[in-house]
Amino acid sequence: MAAPPPQPPSAGKDDSALAATARNLGFAFGSIVPSQAVESVELGRIGLQQGIVKTLGGDTDRERPKPTADGLFAEDHPVRVVHGDAAMLIGGLRALLFQTLHPLAIAGVTEHSDYKHDPLGRLHRTGNFVGVTTYGSAADADRMIRMVRKIHTKVTGIAPDGRPYEANDPHLLNWVHCTEVDSFLTAYRQYGADDLGRRQRDAYVAGMAEIATRLGVDEPPRSETELAEQLAAFRVELRANAQSADTARWLLNPPLPAAAKTTYPLIAAAAITSLPPYARKLLRLPALPLVEPLLIKPAATALTRTLGWILRP
């Protein structure tokens, strides 16, 4: 009687999907991928992850917000999908560049933010807000939102053009909200792991509106069409000035650790190319018709895929 054919090794209970797949592939092709090699790859990935976090000044021992069942969004909600993608790095920078074009919003940032002296601290605080409101419990999200609203009460002043501003102004809050939603969604669609259908995009905008309402926005957009309409309505208020130009220059060339400077120019280029043409024109950011589709988009997409693999839990 012929011996039964060998069976592929079964994955252990704590085995990762990557390890299980590689072991099965190794078995199929003559066991050319031993488990030791797979474990070395995983250890290397974790080492790279810790290196990136340390480079950005983060705490590798601090747990990231864990998804909860009692949060504002379900596990498969588009808000969680978009915010869990590394394309958020591009979307975040795009939003900051976009926001500089409102004279009252940039006045508040210039006169009250310490981003030039502590850029990584600002990054961590923003990331923590997004993480808690996206993945944390509804109670934790509400606490975070109340804390931000309290901080905003101190952000008041007079802009260079003589107009008063305050960070809790529902109109200014909506400008910041709309630029963030548009930027996160645009970056995900252009550089993320997958695209979203129209219904999912509308669900993303509607989900983000729930956070905006809690922050104090009166009538945030609740569909992709409403988002485009509200951004279009803001255009008459936008202009570049000395504060916006100075902030944009700093955002595109911040004082980063040496290790981060190798990839940041590509993230910045992707953020610039994804801005609306009118925003780029106001900020005097160059358009490179041939370079953008042939070099920047494929390179930035490859970068976000790689970072997504490295930074996954």
Protein backbone atom coordinates (compact mmCIF):
# COMPACT_ATOMS: atom_id res chain seq x y z
CA MET A 1 0.00 0.00 0.00
CA ALA A 2 1.35 3.41 -0.92
CA ALA A 3 2.18 5.76 1.90
CA PRO A 4 -0.32 8.59 2.38
CA PRO A 5 0.82 11.87 0.91
CA PRO A 6 2.38 14.30 3.40
CA GLN A 7 0.17 17.09 4.68
CA PRO A 8 1.11 20.71 5.01
CA PRO A 9 2.07 21.76 8.54
CA SER A 10 -0.83 23.16 10.51
CA ALA A 11 -0.55 26.64 11.93
CA GLY A 12 -0.48 27.01 15.69
CA LYS A 13 -3.22 28.83 17.54
CA ASP A 14 -1.12 32.01 17.81
CA ASP A 15 0.36 31.76 14.32
CA SER A 16 0.02 34.84 12.12
CA ALA A 17 -1.74 34.68 8.77
CA LEU A 18 1.54 35.63 7.11
CA ALA A 19 3.40 32.79 8.79
CA ALA A 20 0.67 30.24 8.01
CA THR A 21 0.53 31.27 4.35
CA ALA A 22 4.31 31.20 3.98
CA ARG A 23 4.56 27.77 5.59
CA ASN A 24 1.92 26.35 3.27
CA LEU A 25 3.67 27.92 0.27
CA GLY A 26 6.95 26.52 1.52
CA PHE A 27 5.46 23.06 1.75
CA ALA A 28 3.96 23.33 -1.72
CA PHE A 29 7.30 24.32 -3.25
CA GLY A 30 9.44 21.82 -1.45
CA SER A 31 9.57 23.50 1.94
CA ILE A 32 11.75 26.31 0.61
CA VAL A 33 10.36 28.75 3.21
CA PRO A 34 11.15 27.31 6.64
CA SER A 35 9.40 28.62 9.70
CA GLN A 36 12.64 30.17 10.94
CA ALA A 37 12.75 32.42 7.88
CA VAL A 38 9.15 33.52 8.38
CA GLU A 39 9.81 34.28 12.03
CA SER A 40 12.89 36.30 11.06
CA VAL A 41 10.78 38.37 8.66
CA GLU A 42 8.21 39.01 11.39
CA LEU A 43 10.91 39.98 13.90
CA GLY A 44 12.39 42.30 11.29
CA ARG A 45 8.98 43.90 10.70
CA ILE A 46 8.51 44.51 14.43
CA GLY A 47 12.00 45.98 14.66
CA LEU A 48 11.27 48.37 11.80
CA GLN A 49 7.97 49.33 13.43
CA GLN A 50 9.69 50.18 16.72
CA GLY A 51 12.38 52.09 14.86
CA ILE A 52 9.80 54.24 13.06
CA VAL A 53 7.93 54.95 16.30
CA LYS A 54 11.16 55.91 18.09
CA THR A 55 12.27 58.07 15.16
CA LEU A 56 9.04 60.02 15.43
CA GLY A 57 9.50 60.40 19.17
CA GLY A 58 6.81 57.93 20.17
CA ASP A 59 6.67 55.42 23.01
CA THR A 60 7.03 51.85 21.80
CA ASP A 61 5.75 50.53 25.14
CA ARG A 62 2.53 52.52 25.00
CA GLU A 63 -0.41 50.59 23.59
CA ARG A 64 -2.22 52.06 20.62
CA PRO A 65 -5.97 52.53 20.98
CA LYS A 66 -7.60 49.12 20.70
CA PRO A 67 -10.79 48.78 18.65
CA THR A 68 -13.82 48.38 20.89
CA ALA A 69 -17.31 47.11 20.20
CA ASP A 70 -18.92 50.07 21.96
CA GLY A 71 -17.21 52.79 19.90
CA LEU A 72 -18.73 55.37 17.60
CA PHE A 73 -18.13 53.12 14.59
CA ALA A 74 -18.56 49.44 13.79
CA GLU A 75 -15.50 47.34 13.01
CA ASP A 76 -16.12 47.43 9.25
CA HIS A 77 -17.22 51.08 9.09
CA PRO A 78 -15.48 53.13 6.37
CA VAL A 79 -14.15 55.52 9.03
CA ARG A 80 -12.15 52.68 10.57
CA VAL A 81 -11.08 51.42 7.16
CA VAL A 82 -9.78 54.79 5.98
CA HIS A 83 -8.12 55.76 9.25
CA GLY A 84 -6.38 52.41 9.52
CA ASP A 85 -4.48 52.92 6.26
CA ALA A 86 -0.98 54.39 6.01
CA ALA A 87 -2.27 56.80 3.36
CA MET A 88 -3.41 58.89 6.36
CA LEU A 89 0.17 60.21 6.50
CA ILE A 90 -0.38 61.82 3.11
CA GLY A 91 -3.93 62.88 3.94
CA GLY A 92 -2.86 64.52 7.18
CA LEU A 93 -0.22 66.68 5.50
CA ARG A 94 -2.62 67.55 2.68
CA ALA A 95 -5.20 68.72 5.22
CA LEU A 96 -2.68 70.93 7.02
CA LEU A 97 -1.58 72.54 3.75
CA PHE A 98 -5.20 73.05 2.71
CA GLN A 99 -6.16 74.60 6.05
CA THR A 100 -3.48 77.32 5.79
CA LEU A 101 -5.59 79.04 3.11
CA HIS A 102 -8.23 80.34 5.53
CA PRO A 103 -6.86 83.57 7.08
CA LEU A 104 -8.69 83.15 10.38
CA ALA A 105 -7.80 79.47 10.78
CA ILE A 106 -4.10 80.04 10.05
CA ALA A 107 -4.05 83.05 12.40
CA GLY A 108 -5.16 80.80 15.25
CA VAL A 109 -2.53 78.20 14.40
CA THR A 110 0.26 80.75 14.03
CA GLU A 111 -0.49 82.62 17.23
CA HIS A 112 -1.43 79.73 19.53
CA SER A 113 0.26 76.56 18.29
CA ASP A 114 3.76 75.39 19.23
CA TYR A 115 4.10 73.21 16.14
CA LYS A 116 7.43 74.79 15.12
CA HIS A 117 9.00 74.01 18.47
CA ASP A 118 7.30 70.66 19.06
CA PRO A 119 6.14 69.28 15.70
CA LEU A 120 6.19 65.65 16.80
CA GLY A 121 4.20 66.46 19.94
CA ARG A 122 1.52 68.08 17.78
CA LEU A 123 1.56 65.01 15.52
CA HIS A 124 1.09 62.67 18.48
CA ARG A 125 -1.77 64.68 19.94
CA THR A 126 -3.56 64.79 16.60
CA GLY A 127 -2.96 61.08 16.04
CA ASN A 128 -4.26 60.30 19.51
CA PHE A 129 -7.45 62.26 18.86
CA VAL A 130 -8.06 60.42 15.59
CA GLY A 131 -7.23 57.06 17.18
CA VAL A 132 -9.50 57.47 20.20
CA THR A 133 -12.47 58.87 18.28
CA THR A 134 -12.12 56.17 15.61
CA TYR A 135 -11.34 53.06 17.63
CA GLY A 136 -12.02 53.88 21.28
CA SER A 137 -15.23 53.58 23.23
CA ALA A 138 -17.93 56.20 22.80
CA ALA A 139 -17.24 57.38 26.35
CA ASP A 140 -13.52 57.81 25.66
CA ALA A 141 -14.28 59.60 22.39
CA ASP A 142 -16.61 62.04 24.15
CA ARG A 143 -13.99 62.72 26.83
CA MET A 144 -11.38 63.43 24.16
CA ILE A 145 -13.76 65.78 22.32
CA ARG A 146 -14.62 67.66 25.52
CA MET A 147 -10.91 68.11 26.21
CA VAL A 148 -10.32 69.55 22.72
CA ARG A 149 -13.27 71.93 23.07
CA LYS A 150 -11.85 73.14 26.39
CA ILE A 151 -8.47 73.81 24.77
CA HIS A 152 -10.20 75.66 21.94
CA THR A 153 -11.77 78.15 24.37
CA LYS A 154 -8.30 79.66 24.88
CA VAL A 155 -7.61 80.03 21.16
CA THR A 156 -8.92 83.50 20.40
CA GLY A 157 -7.40 86.64 18.93
CA ILE A 158 -7.25 89.15 16.13
CA ALA A 159 -6.02 88.11 12.68
CA PRO A 160 -3.57 90.30 10.71
CA ASP A 161 -6.49 91.61 8.63
CA GLY A 162 -8.16 92.93 11.79
CA ARG A 163 -10.92 90.33 12.09
CA PRO A 164 -11.45 88.46 15.38
CA TYR A 165 -11.28 84.68 15.47
CA GLU A 166 -11.96 81.90 17.95
CA ALA A 167 -11.23 78.22 17.53
CA ASN A 168 -14.69 77.15 18.73
CA ASP A 169 -16.40 79.19 16.00
CA PRO A 170 -18.66 76.60 14.30
CA HIS A 171 -17.84 78.03 10.86
CA LEU A 172 -14.07 77.72 11.33
CA LEU A 173 -14.49 74.29 12.89
CA ASN A 174 -16.37 73.22 9.78
CA TRP A 175 -13.57 74.50 7.52
CA VAL A 176 -11.04 72.39 9.40
CA HIS A 177 -13.43 69.45 9.44
CA CYS A 178 -14.18 69.61 5.69
CA THR A 179 -10.50 69.84 4.74
CA GLU A 180 -9.66 66.86 6.93
CA VAL A 181 -12.50 64.68 5.64
CA ASP A 182 -11.72 65.59 2.02
CA SER A 183 -7.99 65.00 2.53
CA PHE A 184 -8.28 61.68 4.36
CA LEU A 185 -10.75 60.37 1.78
CA THR A 186 -8.74 61.65 -1.20
CA ALA A 187 -5.48 60.18 0.10
CA TYR A 188 -7.11 56.82 0.74
CA ARG A 189 -8.63 56.70 -2.73
CA GLN A 190 -5.37 57.66 -4.43
CA TYR A 191 -2.78 55.88 -2.28
CA GLY A 192 -4.64 53.50 0.03
CA ALA A 193 -5.00 49.74 0.00
CA ASP A 194 -8.35 49.82 -1.78
CA ASP A 195 -10.99 52.17 -3.13
CA LEU A 196 -14.42 52.86 -1.71
CA GLY A 197 -17.71 52.79 -3.58
CA ARG A 198 -19.99 55.82 -3.56
CA ARG A 199 -22.14 54.45 -0.77
CA GLN A 200 -19.08 53.77 1.39
CA ARG A 201 -17.70 57.25 0.71
CA ASP A 202 -21.01 58.77 1.77
CA ALA A 203 -20.93 56.61 4.91
CA TYR A 204 -17.43 57.87 5.68
CA VAL A 205 -18.49 61.52 5.37
CA ALA A 206 -21.62 60.87 7.46
CA GLY A 207 -19.58 59.08 10.13
CA MET A 208 -17.11 61.94 10.38
CA ALA A 209 -20.05 64.32 10.72
CA GLU A 210 -20.90 62.65 14.02
CA ILE A 211 -17.51 63.68 15.41
CA ALA A 212 -17.83 67.16 13.94
CA THR A 213 -21.23 67.67 15.56
CA ARG A 214 -19.79 66.74 18.95
CA LEU A 215 -16.97 69.21 18.38
CA GLY A 216 -19.43 72.03 17.75
CA VAL A 217 -20.00 72.13 13.98
CA ASP A 218 -23.60 73.14 13.27
CA GLU A 219 -24.24 71.51 9.91
CA PRO A 220 -21.31 69.34 8.77
CA PRO A 221 -21.57 67.60 5.38
CA ARG A 222 -23.13 64.15 5.50
CA SER A 223 -22.44 62.96 1.95
CA GLU A 224 -19.70 63.31 -0.62
CA THR A 225 -21.87 65.73 -2.61
CA GLU A 226 -22.47 67.93 0.43
CA LEU A 227 -18.74 67.87 1.21
CA ALA A 228 -17.90 69.15 -2.28
CA GLU A 229 -20.60 71.82 -2.03
CA GLN A 230 -19.39 73.11 1.32
CA LEU A 231 -15.76 73.21 0.22
CA ALA A 232 -16.81 75.14 -2.89
CA ALA A 233 -18.68 77.65 -0.70
CA PHE A 234 -15.53 78.28 1.34
CA ARG A 235 -13.53 79.31 -1.73
CA VAL A 236 -14.56 82.99 -1.53
CA GLU A 237 -12.98 83.13 1.95
CA LEU A 238 -9.63 81.62 0.97
CA ARG A 239 -6.44 83.50 0.23
CA ALA A 240 -2.74 83.07 0.79
CA ASN A 241 -0.92 85.48 3.09
CA ALA A 242 2.40 85.67 4.90
CA GLN A 243 1.21 83.30 7.63
CA SER A 244 -0.03 80.66 5.20
CA ALA A 245 3.14 80.89 3.09
CA ASP A 246 5.39 80.58 6.14
CA THR A 247 3.42 77.62 7.51
CA ALA A 248 3.35 75.82 4.16
CA ARG A 249 7.12 76.24 3.76
CA TRP A 250 7.65 74.81 7.22
CA LEU A 251 5.27 71.90 6.62
CA LEU A 252 7.14 70.94 3.46
CA ASN A 253 10.56 71.08 5.13
CA PRO A 254 10.19 70.48 8.88
CA PRO A 255 13.11 69.69 11.20
CA LEU A 256 12.75 65.91 11.19
CA PRO A 257 15.17 63.22 12.41
CA ALA A 258 17.58 62.08 9.69
CA ALA A 259 15.87 58.70 9.27
CA ALA A 260 12.51 60.35 8.53
CA LYS A 261 13.95 62.71 5.92
CA THR A 262 14.39 59.89 3.42
CA THR A 263 10.66 59.31 2.95
CA TYR A 264 9.13 62.65 3.93
CA PRO A 265 9.79 64.35 0.55
CA LEU A 266 7.73 61.65 -1.16
CA ILE A 267 4.89 62.04 1.35
CA ALA A 268 5.01 65.82 0.80
CA ALA A 269 5.00 65.43 -2.98
CA ALA A 270 1.99 63.10 -2.80
CA ALA A 271 0.15 65.55 -0.53
CA ILE A 272 0.83 68.44 -2.92
CA THR A 273 -0.25 66.56 -6.04
CA SER A 274 -3.54 65.53 -4.42
CA LEU A 275 -4.56 69.10 -3.51
CA PRO A 276 -7.23 70.82 -5.62
CA PRO A 277 -5.64 72.89 -8.42
CA TYR A 278 -6.93 76.16 -6.96
CA ALA A 279 -5.31 75.39 -3.60
CA ARG A 280 -1.99 74.61 -5.23
CA LYS A 281 -2.18 77.83 -7.22
CA LEU A 282 -2.87 79.94 -4.13
CA LEU A 283 0.01 78.29 -2.27
CA ARG A 284 2.26 78.58 -5.35
CA LEU A 285 3.02 74.88 -5.31
CA PRO A 286 4.27 73.55 -8.64
CA ALA A 287 2.34 71.23 -10.94
CA LEU A 288 4.38 68.50 -12.62
CA PRO A 289 2.06 66.85 -15.17
CA LEU A 290 4.44 64.10 -16.28
CA VAL A 291 6.22 63.45 -13.00
CA GLU A 292 3.06 63.06 -10.93
CA PRO A 293 1.44 60.03 -12.64
CA LEU A 294 4.68 58.37 -13.72
CA LEU A 295 6.80 58.76 -10.57
CA ILE A 296 5.05 60.26 -7.56
CA LYS A 297 1.85 58.19 -7.54
CA PRO A 298 3.46 54.73 -7.96
CA ALA A 299 6.26 55.55 -5.53
CA ALA A 300 3.89 56.95 -2.90
CA THR A 301 1.55 53.99 -3.30
CA ALA A 302 4.45 51.59 -2.78
CA LEU A 303 5.50 53.56 0.29
CA THR A 304 2.05 53.44 1.90
CA ARG A 305 1.78 49.69 1.20
CA THR A 306 5.17 49.10 2.82
CA LEU A 307 4.42 51.31 5.81
CA GLY A 308 1.03 49.66 6.20
CA TRP A 309 2.70 46.25 6.44
CA ILE A 310 5.33 47.50 8.89
CA LEU A 311 2.96 49.41 11.15
CA ARG A 312 0.14 46.88 11.34
CA PRO A 313 -0.57 45.58 14.89
